C-alpha atoms as a PDB file:
ATOM      1  CA  MET A   1     -20.589   8.878   7.563  1.00  0.00           C
ATOM      2  CA  ARG A   2     -17.673  10.898   6.309  1.00  0.00           C
ATOM      3  CA  LEU A   3     -14.640  10.815   8.560  1.00  0.00           C
ATOM      4  CA  LEU A   4     -12.221  13.698   8.870  1.00  0.00           C
ATOM      5  CA  VAL A   5      -8.730  12.282   8.581  1.00  0.00           C
ATOM      6  CA  ALA A   6      -5.671  14.359   9.310  1.00  0.00           C
ATOM      7  CA  ALA A   7      -2.216  13.335   8.144  1.00  0.00           C
ATOM      8  CA  THR A   8       1.169  14.951   7.717  1.00  0.00           C
ATOM      9  CA  LEU A   9       2.001  14.521   4.068  1.00  0.00           C
ATOM     10  CA  VAL A  10       5.400  16.182   3.519  1.00  0.00           C
ATOM     11  CA  ALA A  11       8.188  13.640   3.992  1.00  0.00           C
ATOM     12  CA  VAL A  12      11.701  14.680   4.985  1.00  0.00           C
ATOM     13  CA  PHE A  13      13.951  12.158   3.298  1.00  0.00           C
ATOM     14  CA  ALA A  14      17.592  12.426   2.255  1.00  0.00           C
ATOM     15  CA  VAL A  15      18.308  12.561  -1.443  1.00  0.00           C
ATOM     16  CA  PRO A  16      21.172  10.631  -3.092  1.00  0.00           C
ATOM     17  CA  GLY A  17      24.206  12.796  -3.667  1.00  0.00           C
ATOM     18  CA  GLY A  18      23.923  14.799  -0.481  1.00  0.00           C
ATOM     19  CA  ALA A  19      21.434  16.251   1.957  1.00  0.00           C
ATOM     20  CA  ARG A  20      18.775  18.423   0.398  1.00  0.00           C
ATOM     21  CA  GLN A  21      15.563  19.889   1.655  1.00  0.00           C
ATOM     22  CA  PRO A  22      12.543  18.181   0.107  1.00  0.00           C
ATOM     23  CA  ALA A  23      10.617  20.173  -2.434  1.00  0.00           C
ATOM     24  CA  ASP A  24       7.294  21.617  -1.455  1.00  0.00           C
ATOM     25  CA  PRO A  25       4.499  19.661  -3.077  1.00  0.00           C
ATOM     26  CA  PRO A  26       3.539  21.332  -6.362  1.00  0.00           C
ATOM     27  CA  GLU A  27       0.101  22.808  -6.576  1.00  0.00           C
ATOM     28  CA  ALA A  28      -2.005  19.821  -7.528  1.00  0.00           C
ATOM     29  CA  PRO A  29      -4.136  20.079 -10.648  1.00  0.00           C
ATOM     30  CA  ALA A  30      -7.852  19.956 -10.068  1.00  0.00           C
ATOM     31  CA  ASP A  31      -8.731  16.312  -9.452  1.00  0.00           C
ATOM     32  CA  ARG A  32     -11.648  15.632 -11.737  1.00  0.00           C
ATOM     33  CA  VAL A  33     -11.731  11.940 -10.907  1.00  0.00           C
ATOM     34  CA  LYS A  34     -14.770  11.091  -8.809  1.00  0.00           C
ATOM     35  CA  MET A  35     -16.541   7.868  -7.907  1.00  0.00           C
ATOM     36  CA  ASP A  36     -19.696   7.761  -9.992  1.00  0.00           C
ATOM     37  CA  GLU A  37     -22.820   5.870  -8.920  1.00  0.00           C
ATOM     38  CA  PRO A  38     -22.040   2.615 -10.806  1.00  0.00           C
ATOM     39  CA  THR A  39     -18.600   2.553  -9.161  1.00  0.00           C
ATOM     40  CA  LYS A  40     -20.048   3.207  -5.708  1.00  0.00           C
ATOM     41  CA  GLU A  41     -22.549   0.402  -6.240  1.00  0.00           C
ATOM     42  CA  ALA A  42     -19.771  -1.968  -7.314  1.00  0.00           C
ATOM     43  CA  VAL A  43     -17.698  -1.054  -4.256  1.00  0.00           C
ATOM     44  CA  ASP A  44     -20.668  -1.413  -1.900  1.00  0.00           C
ATOM     45  CA  LYS A  45     -21.401  -4.848  -3.344  1.00  0.00           C
ATOM     46  CA  ALA A  46     -17.762  -5.857  -2.914  1.00  0.00           C
ATOM     47  CA  LEU A  47     -17.681  -4.675   0.694  1.00  0.00           C
ATOM     48  CA  ARG A  48     -20.767  -6.726   1.490  1.00  0.00           C
ATOM     49  CA  TRP A  49     -19.047  -9.739  -0.060  1.00  0.00           C
ATOM     50  CA  LEU A  50     -15.883  -9.094   1.972  1.00  0.00           C
ATOM     51  CA  ARG A  51     -17.930  -8.734   5.152  1.00  0.00           C
ATOM     52  CA  ASP A  52     -19.394 -12.187   4.580  1.00  0.00           C
ATOM     53  CA  GLN A  53     -15.933 -13.750   4.170  1.00  0.00           C
ATOM     54  CA  GLN A  54     -14.609 -12.650   7.558  1.00  0.00           C
ATOM     55  CA  ALA A  55     -13.807 -15.522   9.892  1.00  0.00           C
ATOM     56  CA  ALA A  56     -14.952 -15.643  13.500  1.00  0.00           C
ATOM     57  CA  ASP A  57     -11.465 -14.655  14.713  1.00  0.00           C
ATOM     58  CA  GLY A  58     -11.594 -11.465  12.604  1.00  0.00           C
ATOM     59  CA  SER A  59      -9.272 -12.670   9.843  1.00  0.00           C
ATOM     60  CA  TRP A  60      -9.709 -12.996   6.100  1.00  0.00           C
ATOM     61  CA  GLY A  61      -8.181 -15.484   3.674  1.00  0.00           C
ATOM     62  CA  ASN A  62      -6.987 -19.068   3.805  1.00  0.00           C
ATOM     63  CA  GLN A  63      -3.271 -18.331   3.701  1.00  0.00           C
ATOM     64  CA  SER A  64      -1.043 -15.321   4.360  1.00  0.00           C
ATOM     65  CA  LYS A  65      -3.851 -14.315   6.712  1.00  0.00           C
ATOM     66  CA  THR A  66      -2.176 -11.236   8.142  1.00  0.00           C
ATOM     67  CA  ALA A  67      -1.683  -9.776   4.651  1.00  0.00           C
ATOM     68  CA  MET A  68      -5.171 -10.742   3.462  1.00  0.00           C
ATOM     69  CA  THR A  69      -6.694  -9.275   6.614  1.00  0.00           C
ATOM     70  CA  ALA A  70      -4.680  -6.103   6.123  1.00  0.00           C
ATOM     71  CA  PHE A  71      -5.890  -5.710   2.525  1.00  0.00           C
ATOM     72  CA  ALA A  72      -9.509  -6.276   3.584  1.00  0.00           C
ATOM     73  CA  VAL A  73      -9.286  -3.820   6.488  1.00  0.00           C
ATOM     74  CA  LEU A  74      -7.731  -1.210   4.191  1.00  0.00           C
ATOM     75  CA  ALA A  75     -10.545  -1.707   1.664  1.00  0.00           C
ATOM     76  CA  PHE A  76     -13.160  -0.925   4.315  1.00  0.00           C
ATOM     77  CA  MET A  77     -11.199   2.025   5.719  1.00  0.00           C
ATOM     78  CA  ALA A  78     -10.722   3.417   2.192  1.00  0.00           C
ATOM     79  CA  ASN A  79     -14.491   3.938   2.215  1.00  0.00           C
ATOM     80  CA  GLY A  80     -14.719   5.646   5.588  1.00  0.00           C
ATOM     81  CA  HIS A  81     -15.337   2.644   7.840  1.00  0.00           C
ATOM     82  CA  ALA A  82     -12.918   2.983  10.757  1.00  0.00           C
ATOM     83  CA  PRO A  83     -12.748   0.680  13.787  1.00  0.00           C
ATOM     84  CA  ASN A  84     -16.196   0.796  15.405  1.00  0.00           C
ATOM     85  CA  GLN A  85     -17.221   3.667  13.124  1.00  0.00           C
ATOM     86  CA  GLY A  86     -19.335   3.420   9.996  1.00  0.00           C
ATOM     87  CA  ASP A  87     -21.522   0.623   8.677  1.00  0.00           C
ATOM     88  CA  TYR A  88     -18.643  -1.875   8.794  1.00  0.00           C
ATOM     89  CA  GLY A  89     -16.917  -0.503  11.885  1.00  0.00           C
ATOM     90  CA  LYS A  90     -17.420  -3.750  13.784  1.00  0.00           C
ATOM     91  CA  GLU A  91     -15.769  -5.826  11.044  1.00  0.00           C
ATOM     92  CA  VAL A  92     -12.843  -3.411  10.811  1.00  0.00           C
ATOM     93  CA  ALA A  93     -12.359  -3.486  14.585  1.00  0.00           C
ATOM     94  CA  LYS A  94     -12.333  -7.304  14.567  1.00  0.00           C
ATOM     95  CA  GLY A  95      -9.771  -7.312  11.762  1.00  0.00           C
ATOM     96  CA  VAL A  96      -7.530  -4.863  13.616  1.00  0.00           C
ATOM     97  CA  ARG A  97      -7.817  -6.941  16.799  1.00  0.00           C
ATOM     98  CA  TYR A  98      -6.785 -10.024  14.814  1.00  0.00           C
ATOM     99  CA  LEU A  99      -3.655  -8.252  13.555  1.00  0.00           C
ATOM    100  CA  CYS A 100      -2.823  -7.137  17.084  1.00  0.00           C
ATOM    101  CA  ALA A 101      -3.351 -10.683  18.360  1.00  0.00           C
ATOM    102  CA  CYS A 102      -0.854 -11.906  15.749  1.00  0.00           C
ATOM    103  CA  THR A 103       1.797  -9.399  16.880  1.00  0.00           C
ATOM    104  CA  ARG A 104       4.506 -11.265  18.789  1.00  0.00           C
ATOM    105  CA  GLU A 105       6.518  -9.766  21.636  1.00  0.00           C
ATOM    106  CA  ASP A 106       9.401  -9.144  19.224  1.00  0.00           C
ATOM    107  CA  GLY A 107       7.022  -7.171  16.981  1.00  0.00           C
ATOM    108  CA  TYR A 108       6.690  -9.695  14.154  1.00  0.00           C
ATOM    109  CA  ILE A 109       3.096  -9.881  12.899  1.00  0.00           C
ATOM    110  CA  LEU A 110       2.688 -13.542  12.109  1.00  0.00           C
ATOM    111  CA  SER A 111      -0.471 -15.621  11.761  1.00  0.00           C
ATOM    112  CA  PRO A 112      -0.614 -19.241  13.034  1.00  0.00           C
ATOM    113  CA  GLY A 113      -0.390 -20.385   9.403  1.00  0.00           C
ATOM    114  CA  GLY A 114       2.848 -18.503   8.800  1.00  0.00           C
ATOM    115  CA  GLY A 115       3.874 -15.423   6.874  1.00  0.00           C
ATOM    116  CA  ASN A 116       6.837 -13.303   5.882  1.00  0.00           C
ATOM    117  CA  MET A 117       7.956  -9.680   5.714  1.00  0.00           C
ATOM    118  CA  TYR A 118       5.518  -9.022   2.859  1.00  0.00           C
ATOM    119  CA  CYS A 119       2.711  -9.902   5.261  1.00  0.00           C
ATOM    120  CA  HIS A 120       4.326  -8.006   8.102  1.00  0.00           C
ATOM    121  CA  GLY A 121       4.673  -4.833   6.021  1.00  0.00           C
ATOM    122  CA  MET A 122       1.046  -4.936   4.881  1.00  0.00           C
ATOM    123  CA  ALA A 123      -0.240  -5.654   8.383  1.00  0.00           C
ATOM    124  CA  THR A 124       1.847  -2.829   9.837  1.00  0.00           C
ATOM    125  CA  LEU A 125       0.562  -0.410   7.196  1.00  0.00           C
ATOM    126  CA  ALA A 126      -3.033  -1.387   8.001  1.00  0.00           C
ATOM    127  CA  LEU A 127      -2.419  -0.740  11.697  1.00  0.00           C
ATOM    128  CA  THR A 128      -0.932   2.694  10.928  1.00  0.00           C
ATOM    129  CA  GLN A 129      -4.050   3.635   8.981  1.00  0.00           C
ATOM    130  CA  ALA A 130      -6.378   2.287  11.664  1.00  0.00           C
ATOM    131  CA  PHE A 131      -4.486   4.202  14.344  1.00  0.00           C
ATOM    132  CA  GLY A 132      -4.441   7.369  12.207  1.00  0.00           C
ATOM    133  CA  MET A 133      -8.200   7.213  11.670  1.00  0.00           C
ATOM    134  CA  SER A 134      -9.196   6.037  15.160  1.00  0.00           C
ATOM    135  CA  PRO A 135      -6.411   6.331  17.781  1.00  0.00           C
ATOM    136  CA  ASP A 136      -6.302   3.424  20.229  1.00  0.00           C
ATOM    137  CA  GLU A 137      -3.547   2.822  22.784  1.00  0.00           C
ATOM    138  CA  ASP A 138      -3.661  -0.961  22.407  1.00  0.00           C
ATOM    139  CA  VAL A 139      -3.187  -0.628  18.659  1.00  0.00           C
ATOM    140  CA  LYS A 140      -0.376   1.865  19.234  1.00  0.00           C
ATOM    141  CA  LYS A 141       1.514  -0.625  21.442  1.00  0.00           C
ATOM    142  CA  CYS A 142       1.336  -3.344  18.777  1.00  0.00           C
ATOM    143  CA  LEU A 143       2.174  -0.878  16.056  1.00  0.00           C
ATOM    144  CA  LYS A 144       5.244   0.407  17.857  1.00  0.00           C
ATOM    145  CA  ARG A 145       6.602  -3.132  18.264  1.00  0.00           C
ATOM    146  CA  ALA A 146       5.938  -3.864  14.580  1.00  0.00           C
ATOM    147  CA  VAL A 147       7.692  -0.674  13.458  1.00  0.00           C
ATOM    148  CA  ASP A 148      10.668  -1.322  15.737  1.00  0.00           C
ATOM    149  CA  LEU A 149      11.069  -4.766  14.138  1.00  0.00           C
ATOM    150  CA  ILE A 150      11.146  -3.217  10.665  1.00  0.00           C
ATOM    151  CA  ILE A 151      13.809  -0.729  11.732  1.00  0.00           C
ATOM    152  CA  ARG A 152      16.117  -3.272  13.367  1.00  0.00           C
ATOM    153  CA  THR A 153      15.876  -5.818  10.522  1.00  0.00           C
ATOM    154  CA  GLN A 154      16.955  -3.394   7.786  1.00  0.00           C
ATOM    155  CA  ASN A 155      20.032  -4.828   6.082  1.00  0.00           C
ATOM    156  CA  HIS A 156      23.355  -3.165   5.245  1.00  0.00           C
ATOM    157  CA  GLU A 157      22.119  -2.249   1.756  1.00  0.00           C
ATOM    158  CA  GLY A 158      19.166  -0.351   3.212  1.00  0.00           C
ATOM    159  CA  GLY A 159      16.506  -2.898   2.256  1.00  0.00           C
ATOM    160  CA  TRP A 160      14.542  -5.878   3.481  1.00  0.00           C
ATOM    161  CA  ARG A 161      13.750  -9.368   2.227  1.00  0.00           C
ATOM    162  CA  TYR A 162      11.414 -12.216   3.206  1.00  0.00           C
ATOM    163  CA  ASP A 163      12.662 -12.985   6.715  1.00  0.00           C
ATOM    164  CA  PRO A 164      12.733 -10.617   9.711  1.00  0.00           C
ATOM    165  CA  ALA A 165      16.513 -10.538   9.701  1.00  0.00           C
ATOM    166  CA  PRO A 166      19.061  -8.093   8.216  1.00  0.00           C
ATOM    167  CA  THR A 167      20.146 -10.434   5.421  1.00  0.00           C
ATOM    168  CA  GLY A 168      19.122  -9.895   1.779  1.00  0.00           C
ATOM    169  CA  ALA A 169      16.987  -7.231   0.103  1.00  0.00           C
ATOM    170  CA  ASP A 170      14.683  -6.726  -2.870  1.00  0.00           C
ATOM    171  CA  ILE A 171      12.634  -3.761  -4.005  1.00  0.00           C
ATOM    172  CA  SER A 172       9.178  -5.260  -3.454  1.00  0.00           C
ATOM    173  CA  VAL A 173       9.669  -6.229   0.198  1.00  0.00           C
ATOM    174  CA  THR A 174      11.621  -3.014   0.807  1.00  0.00           C
ATOM    175  CA  ILE A 175       8.887  -0.747  -0.495  1.00  0.00           C
ATOM    176  CA  MET A 176       6.266  -2.514   1.609  1.00  0.00           C
ATOM    177  CA  GLN A 177       8.321  -1.710   4.715  1.00  0.00           C
ATOM    178  CA  MET A 178       8.816   1.872   3.535  1.00  0.00           C
ATOM    179  CA  MET A 179       5.066   2.348   3.118  1.00  0.00           C
ATOM    180  CA  ALA A 180       4.554   1.012   6.643  1.00  0.00           C
ATOM    181  CA  LEU A 181       7.225   3.333   8.039  1.00  0.00           C
ATOM    182  CA  ARG A 182       5.721   6.311   6.233  1.00  0.00           C
ATOM    183  CA  GLY A 183       2.282   5.466   7.580  1.00  0.00           C
ATOM    184  CA  ALA A 184       3.757   5.155  11.075  1.00  0.00           C
ATOM    185  CA  LYS A 185       5.479   8.523  10.811  1.00  0.00           C
ATOM    186  CA  ASP A 186       2.290  10.185   9.595  1.00  0.00           C
ATOM    187  CA  SER A 187       0.386   8.695  12.540  1.00  0.00           C
ATOM    188  CA  GLY A 188       2.828  10.241  15.014  1.00  0.00           C
ATOM    189  CA  LEU A 189       5.265   7.424  15.771  1.00  0.00           C
ATOM    190  CA  GLN A 190       9.006   7.968  15.858  1.00  0.00           C
ATOM    191  CA  VAL A 191      10.723   6.724  12.706  1.00  0.00           C
ATOM    192  CA  PRO A 192      14.463   7.423  12.343  1.00  0.00           C
ATOM    193  CA  ASP A 193      15.229   9.472   9.249  1.00  0.00           C
ATOM    194  CA  ARG A 194      18.246   7.279   8.621  1.00  0.00           C
ATOM    195  CA  ALA A 195      16.079   4.204   8.055  1.00  0.00           C
ATOM    196  CA  MET A 196      14.183   5.924   5.259  1.00  0.00           C
ATOM    197  CA  ASP A 197      17.340   7.562   3.861  1.00  0.00           C
ATOM    198  CA  GLU A 198      19.080   4.202   3.511  1.00  0.00           C
ATOM    199  CA  ALA A 199      15.976   2.559   2.053  1.00  0.00           C
ATOM    200  CA  VAL A 200      15.683   5.287  -0.582  1.00  0.00           C
ATOM    201  CA  LYS A 201      19.298   4.703  -1.565  1.00  0.00           C
ATOM    202  CA  TYR A 202      18.570   0.998  -2.076  1.00  0.00           C
ATOM    203  CA  VAL A 203      15.498   1.701  -4.195  1.00  0.00           C
ATOM    204  CA  ASN A 204      17.478   4.157  -6.319  1.00  0.00           C
ATOM    205  CA  ARG A 205      20.034   1.451  -7.004  1.00  0.00           C
ATOM    206  CA  CYS A 206      17.211  -0.605  -8.558  1.00  0.00           C
ATOM    207  CA  TYR A 207      16.389   2.137 -11.080  1.00  0.00           C
ATOM    208  CA  ASP A 208      17.027   1.255 -14.727  1.00  0.00           C
ATOM    209  CA  ARG A 209      17.895   4.465 -16.579  1.00  0.00           C
ATOM    210  CA  ARG A 210      17.607   2.869 -19.990  1.00  0.00           C
ATOM    211  CA  SER A 211      13.948   1.878 -19.645  1.00  0.00           C
ATOM    212  CA  GLY A 212      12.857   4.305 -16.948  1.00  0.00           C
ATOM    213  CA  GLY A 213      11.552   1.440 -14.809  1.00  0.00           C
ATOM    214  CA  TYR A 214      12.690  -0.364 -11.675  1.00  0.00           C
ATOM    215  CA  ARG A 215      14.349  -3.761 -11.319  1.00  0.00           C
ATOM    216  CA  TYR A 216      13.684  -6.380  -8.644  1.00  0.00           C
ATOM    217  CA  GLN A 217      17.232  -6.005  -7.334  1.00  0.00           C
ATOM    218  CA  PRO A 218      20.073  -3.650  -8.358  1.00  0.00           C
ATOM    219  CA  TYR A 219      21.639  -6.148 -10.761  1.00  0.00           C
ATOM    220  CA  SER A 220      18.520  -7.993 -11.882  1.00  0.00           C
ATOM    221  CA  PRO A 221      17.757  -7.983 -15.610  1.00  0.00           C
ATOM    222  CA  GLY A 222      14.849  -5.865 -16.807  1.00  0.00           C
ATOM    223  CA  ALA A 223      12.377  -3.544 -15.163  1.00  0.00           C
ATOM    224  CA  GLY A 224       8.775  -4.449 -14.348  1.00  0.00           C
ATOM    225  CA  PHE A 225       5.401  -2.694 -14.112  1.00  0.00           C
ATOM    226  CA  ALA A 226       4.691  -3.550 -10.464  1.00  0.00           C
ATOM    227  CA  ARG A 227       8.162  -2.588  -9.256  1.00  0.00           C
ATOM    228  CA  THR A 228       8.073   0.652 -11.226  1.00  0.00           C
ATOM    229  CA  ALA A 229       4.693   1.629  -9.793  1.00  0.00           C
ATOM    230  CA  ALA A 230       6.103   1.009  -6.324  1.00  0.00           C
ATOM    231  CA  GLY A 231       9.182   3.067  -7.198  1.00  0.00           C
ATOM    232  CA  VAL A 232       7.036   6.061  -8.161  1.00  0.00           C
ATOM    233  CA  CYS A 233       5.291   5.787  -4.777  1.00  0.00           C
ATOM    234  CA  VAL A 234       8.672   6.105  -3.073  1.00  0.00           C
ATOM    235  CA  LEU A 235       9.678   9.155  -5.114  1.00  0.00           C
ATOM    236  CA  GLN A 236       6.433  10.839  -4.134  1.00  0.00           C
ATOM    237  CA  LEU A 237       6.710   9.850  -0.477  1.00  0.00           C
ATOM    238  CA  ARG A 238      10.204  11.310  -0.140  1.00  0.00           C
ATOM    239  CA  GLY A 239       9.142  14.645  -1.658  1.00  0.00           C
ATOM    240  CA  GLU A 240      10.951  14.301  -5.000  1.00  0.00           C
ATOM    241  CA  TYR A 241       7.973  15.640  -6.954  1.00  0.00           C
ATOM    242  CA  ASP A 242      10.097  17.041  -9.785  1.00  0.00           C
ATOM    243  CA  ALA A 243      12.517  14.126 -10.114  1.00  0.00           C
ATOM    244  CA  ASP A 244      13.304  13.131 -13.701  1.00  0.00           C
ATOM    245  CA  GLU A 245      12.725   9.527 -12.663  1.00  0.00           C
ATOM    246  CA  ILE A 246       9.026  10.214 -12.103  1.00  0.00           C
ATOM    247  CA  ASN A 247       8.335  11.285 -15.677  1.00  0.00           C
ATOM    248  CA  LYS A 248      10.386   8.433 -17.075  1.00  0.00           C
ATOM    249  CA  ALA A 249       8.790   5.899 -14.750  1.00  0.00           C
ATOM    250  CA  VAL A 250       5.281   7.133 -15.600  1.00  0.00           C
ATOM    251  CA  GLU A 251       6.121   6.796 -19.296  1.00  0.00           C
ATOM    252  CA  PHE A 252       7.256   3.239 -18.566  1.00  0.00           C
ATOM    253  CA  LEU A 253       3.992   2.470 -16.766  1.00  0.00           C
ATOM    254  CA  GLU A 254       1.851   3.879 -19.562  1.00  0.00           C
ATOM    255  CA  ARG A 255       3.935   2.131 -22.200  1.00  0.00           C
ATOM    256  CA  THR A 256       3.817  -1.207 -20.375  1.00  0.00           C
ATOM    257  CA  GLY A 257       0.212  -0.888 -19.214  1.00  0.00           C
ATOM    258  CA  ASP A 258       0.110  -3.971 -17.049  1.00  0.00           C
ATOM    259  CA  ASP A 259       1.969  -6.794 -15.365  1.00  0.00           C
ATOM    260  CA  GLY A 260       0.483 -10.191 -16.117  1.00  0.00           C
ATOM    261  CA  GLY A 261       2.754 -11.827 -13.559  1.00  0.00           C
ATOM    262  CA  HIS A 262       1.811  -9.513 -10.688  1.00  0.00           C
ATOM    263  CA  TYR A 263      -1.451  -7.976 -11.857  1.00  0.00           C
ATOM    264  CA  TRP A 264      -3.111  -7.034  -8.553  1.00  0.00           C
ATOM    265  CA  TYR A 265       0.088  -6.184  -6.723  1.00  0.00           C
ATOM    266  CA  GLY A 266       1.108  -3.945  -9.617  1.00  0.00           C
ATOM    267  CA  HIS A 267      -2.151  -2.044  -9.753  1.00  0.00           C
ATOM    268  CA  TYR A 268      -2.270  -1.717  -5.965  1.00  0.00           C
ATOM    269  CA  TYR A 269       0.809   0.487  -6.284  1.00  0.00           C
ATOM    270  CA  ALA A 270      -0.019   2.019  -9.679  1.00  0.00           C
ATOM    271  CA  ALA A 271      -3.309   3.458  -8.401  1.00  0.00           C
ATOM    272  CA  HIS A 272      -1.535   5.090  -5.475  1.00  0.00           C
ATOM    273  CA  ALA A 273       1.401   6.328  -7.540  1.00  0.00           C
ATOM    274  CA  LEU A 274      -0.553   7.775 -10.456  1.00  0.00           C
ATOM    275  CA  ASN A 275      -3.075   9.424  -8.157  1.00  0.00           C
ATOM    276  CA  GLN A 276      -0.172  11.246  -6.530  1.00  0.00           C
ATOM    277  CA  VAL A 277       1.099  12.290  -9.974  1.00  0.00           C
ATOM    278  CA  GLY A 278      -2.410  13.502 -10.814  1.00  0.00           C
ATOM    279  CA  GLY A 279      -3.626  15.282 -13.922  1.00  0.00           C
ATOM    280  CA  GLU A 280      -4.395  13.532 -17.195  1.00  0.00           C
ATOM    281  CA  VAL A 281      -2.119  10.607 -16.347  1.00  0.00           C
ATOM    282  CA  TRP A 282      -4.291   9.764 -13.341  1.00  0.00           C
ATOM    283  CA  GLU A 283      -7.535  10.437 -15.229  1.00  0.00           C
ATOM    284  CA  ARG A 284      -6.568   8.071 -18.049  1.00  0.00           C
ATOM    285  CA  TYR A 285      -5.463   5.361 -15.645  1.00  0.00           C
ATOM    286  CA  TYR A 286      -8.540   5.520 -13.436  1.00  0.00           C
ATOM    287  CA  ALA A 287     -10.917   5.524 -16.405  1.00  0.00           C
ATOM    288  CA  ARG A 288      -9.181   2.456 -17.837  1.00  0.00           C
ATOM    289  CA  MET A 289      -9.188   0.548 -14.566  1.00  0.00           C
ATOM    290  CA  LYS A 290     -12.779   1.469 -13.740  1.00  0.00           C
ATOM    291  CA  LYS A 291     -13.995   0.217 -17.101  1.00  0.00           C
ATOM    292  CA  SER A 292     -12.026  -3.012 -16.769  1.00  0.00           C
ATOM    293  CA  LEU A 293     -12.920  -3.729 -13.142  1.00  0.00           C
ATOM    294  CA  LEU A 294     -16.623  -2.988 -13.388  1.00  0.00           C
ATOM    295  CA  ALA A 295     -16.869  -5.266 -16.418  1.00  0.00           C
ATOM    296  CA  ARG A 296     -15.163  -8.155 -14.590  1.00  0.00           C
ATOM    297  CA  GLN A 297     -16.871  -8.060 -11.205  1.00  0.00           C
ATOM    298  CA  LYS A 298     -18.625 -11.317 -10.351  1.00  0.00           C
ATOM    299  CA  ALA A 299     -22.333 -11.486  -9.587  1.00  0.00           C
ATOM    300  CA  GLY A 300     -21.625 -11.982  -5.876  1.00  0.00           C
ATOM    301  CA  GLY A 301     -19.564  -8.792  -5.708  1.00  0.00           C
ATOM    302  CA  GLU A 302     -16.078 -10.311  -5.770  1.00  0.00           C
ATOM    303  CA  TRP A 303     -13.280 -10.178  -8.320  1.00  0.00           C
ATOM    304  CA  TYR A 304     -11.518 -13.415  -9.118  1.00  0.00           C
ATOM    305  CA  ASP A 305      -9.297 -14.609 -11.925  1.00  0.00           C
ATOM    306  CA  GLN A 306      -7.331 -17.713 -10.995  1.00  0.00           C
ATOM    307  CA  ARG A 307      -4.608 -16.907 -13.519  1.00  0.00           C
ATOM    308  CA  ARG A 308      -3.794 -13.727 -11.606  1.00  0.00           C
ATOM    309  CA  GLU A 309      -4.194 -14.795  -7.981  1.00  0.00           C
ATOM    310  CA  PHE A 310      -1.121 -16.942  -7.198  1.00  0.00           C
ATOM    311  CA  GLY A 311      -3.421 -19.026  -5.031  1.00  0.00           C
ATOM    312  CA  TYR A 312      -4.320 -16.120  -2.729  1.00  0.00           C
ATOM    313  CA  GLY A 313      -7.982 -16.248  -3.705  1.00  0.00           C
ATOM    314  CA  PRO A 314     -10.716 -13.682  -4.257  1.00  0.00           C
ATOM    315  CA  VAL A 315     -10.293 -11.822  -0.946  1.00  0.00           C
ATOM    316  CA  TYR A 316      -6.933 -10.600  -2.240  1.00  0.00           C
ATOM    317  CA  SER A 317      -8.165  -9.439  -5.637  1.00  0.00           C
ATOM    318  CA  THR A 318     -11.459  -8.050  -4.332  1.00  0.00           C
ATOM    319  CA  ALA A 319      -9.795  -5.959  -1.629  1.00  0.00           C
ATOM    320  CA  ILE A 320      -7.285  -4.513  -4.093  1.00  0.00           C
ATOM    321  CA  ALA A 321     -10.007  -3.798  -6.668  1.00  0.00           C
ATOM    322  CA  VAL A 322     -11.903  -1.870  -3.979  1.00  0.00           C
ATOM    323  CA  LEU A 323      -8.740   0.033  -3.044  1.00  0.00           C
ATOM    324  CA  ILE A 324      -8.138   1.021  -6.674  1.00  0.00           C
ATOM    325  CA  LEU A 325     -11.700   2.197  -7.220  1.00  0.00           C
ATOM    326  CA  SER A 326     -11.791   4.000  -3.860  1.00  0.00           C
ATOM    327  CA  VAL A 327      -8.656   6.131  -4.207  1.00  0.00           C
ATOM    328  CA  PRO A 328     -10.737   9.255  -5.087  1.00  0.00           C
ATOM    329  CA  THR A 329     -12.366   9.176  -1.644  1.00  0.00           C
ATOM    330  CA  HIS A 330      -8.980   9.949  -0.003  1.00  0.00           C
ATOM    331  CA  TYR A 331     -10.143   8.537   3.333  1.00  0.00           C
ATOM    332  CA  LEU A 332      -6.911   6.635   3.952  1.00  0.00           C
ATOM    333  CA  PRO A 333      -4.174   8.932   5.303  1.00  0.00           C
ATOM    334  CA  ILE A 334      -1.540   7.230   3.120  1.00  0.00           C
ATOM    335  CA  TYR A 335      -3.615   8.047   0.001  1.00  0.00           C
ATOM    336  CA  GLN A 336      -4.039  11.727   0.778  1.00  0.00           C
ATOM    337  CA  LYS A 337      -2.037  14.334  -1.088  1.00  0.00           C
END
């Protein structure tokens, strides 16, 4: 069942060097990337596998449960299964209820086994997408608390780090919070412009003009694939469609091709970023990833390569593989152009 998803997709973010109105999105080239039948079959098989891994409490994963549950819920929603809607609506609803149950009074989304702001950002993003696709007042209450925590824990540099406190910052944790805030704004929640303005300034400080990529922190050595993919997402989300950094960052991504140290995390962002760029860049990327992923899917439907998992297990890699392959469906509000 195809769901009609509405989302506001023009961000109003400040630009370094002074206030400027965001550019109107350029007319997108015809998107010729579609999910063919072998890809749909692979995704369907993976979703059945994910369904069978859900715990009785609605969670997924053995550690970082809020993040793993968020990735799994997003994978289902990316294929049109909203809470209590679609073939896997029941599983999605249980996953969303688990995330709400893990939301403390102060807004921190934390599973009994622990977590950090990575997990919080992913869980908050999943709740924004669930609320955008199937509005629910209980979800909205949890989501508002989670968003308020992100806003009040932003540090003086404009970023976030592992703990829910305004202390340090790095680009990876920061961009996860920015994605959550953007999703919240699109779903109708109040998000102060200043929070995004300051976050954009921090991300820009991580840009490496020599390579065209993004560093982990402003003074860290070297740029990386995963961080650069995330940086392109931010440029798109703030409406800087013609920024020189986009072309240079895309060149960096195509030149680098991968990130062995953060394979799934990197491609989670790269799929989103390059889809927003569109055209031949997106077509080349999707064709490459589809060929690679379909060749490596396990007989049970999962994806798993222990060298690339960091101990998170196959729920993590399978959910992200589904998200990559499912971008052309554009069901998720955050993935729409």
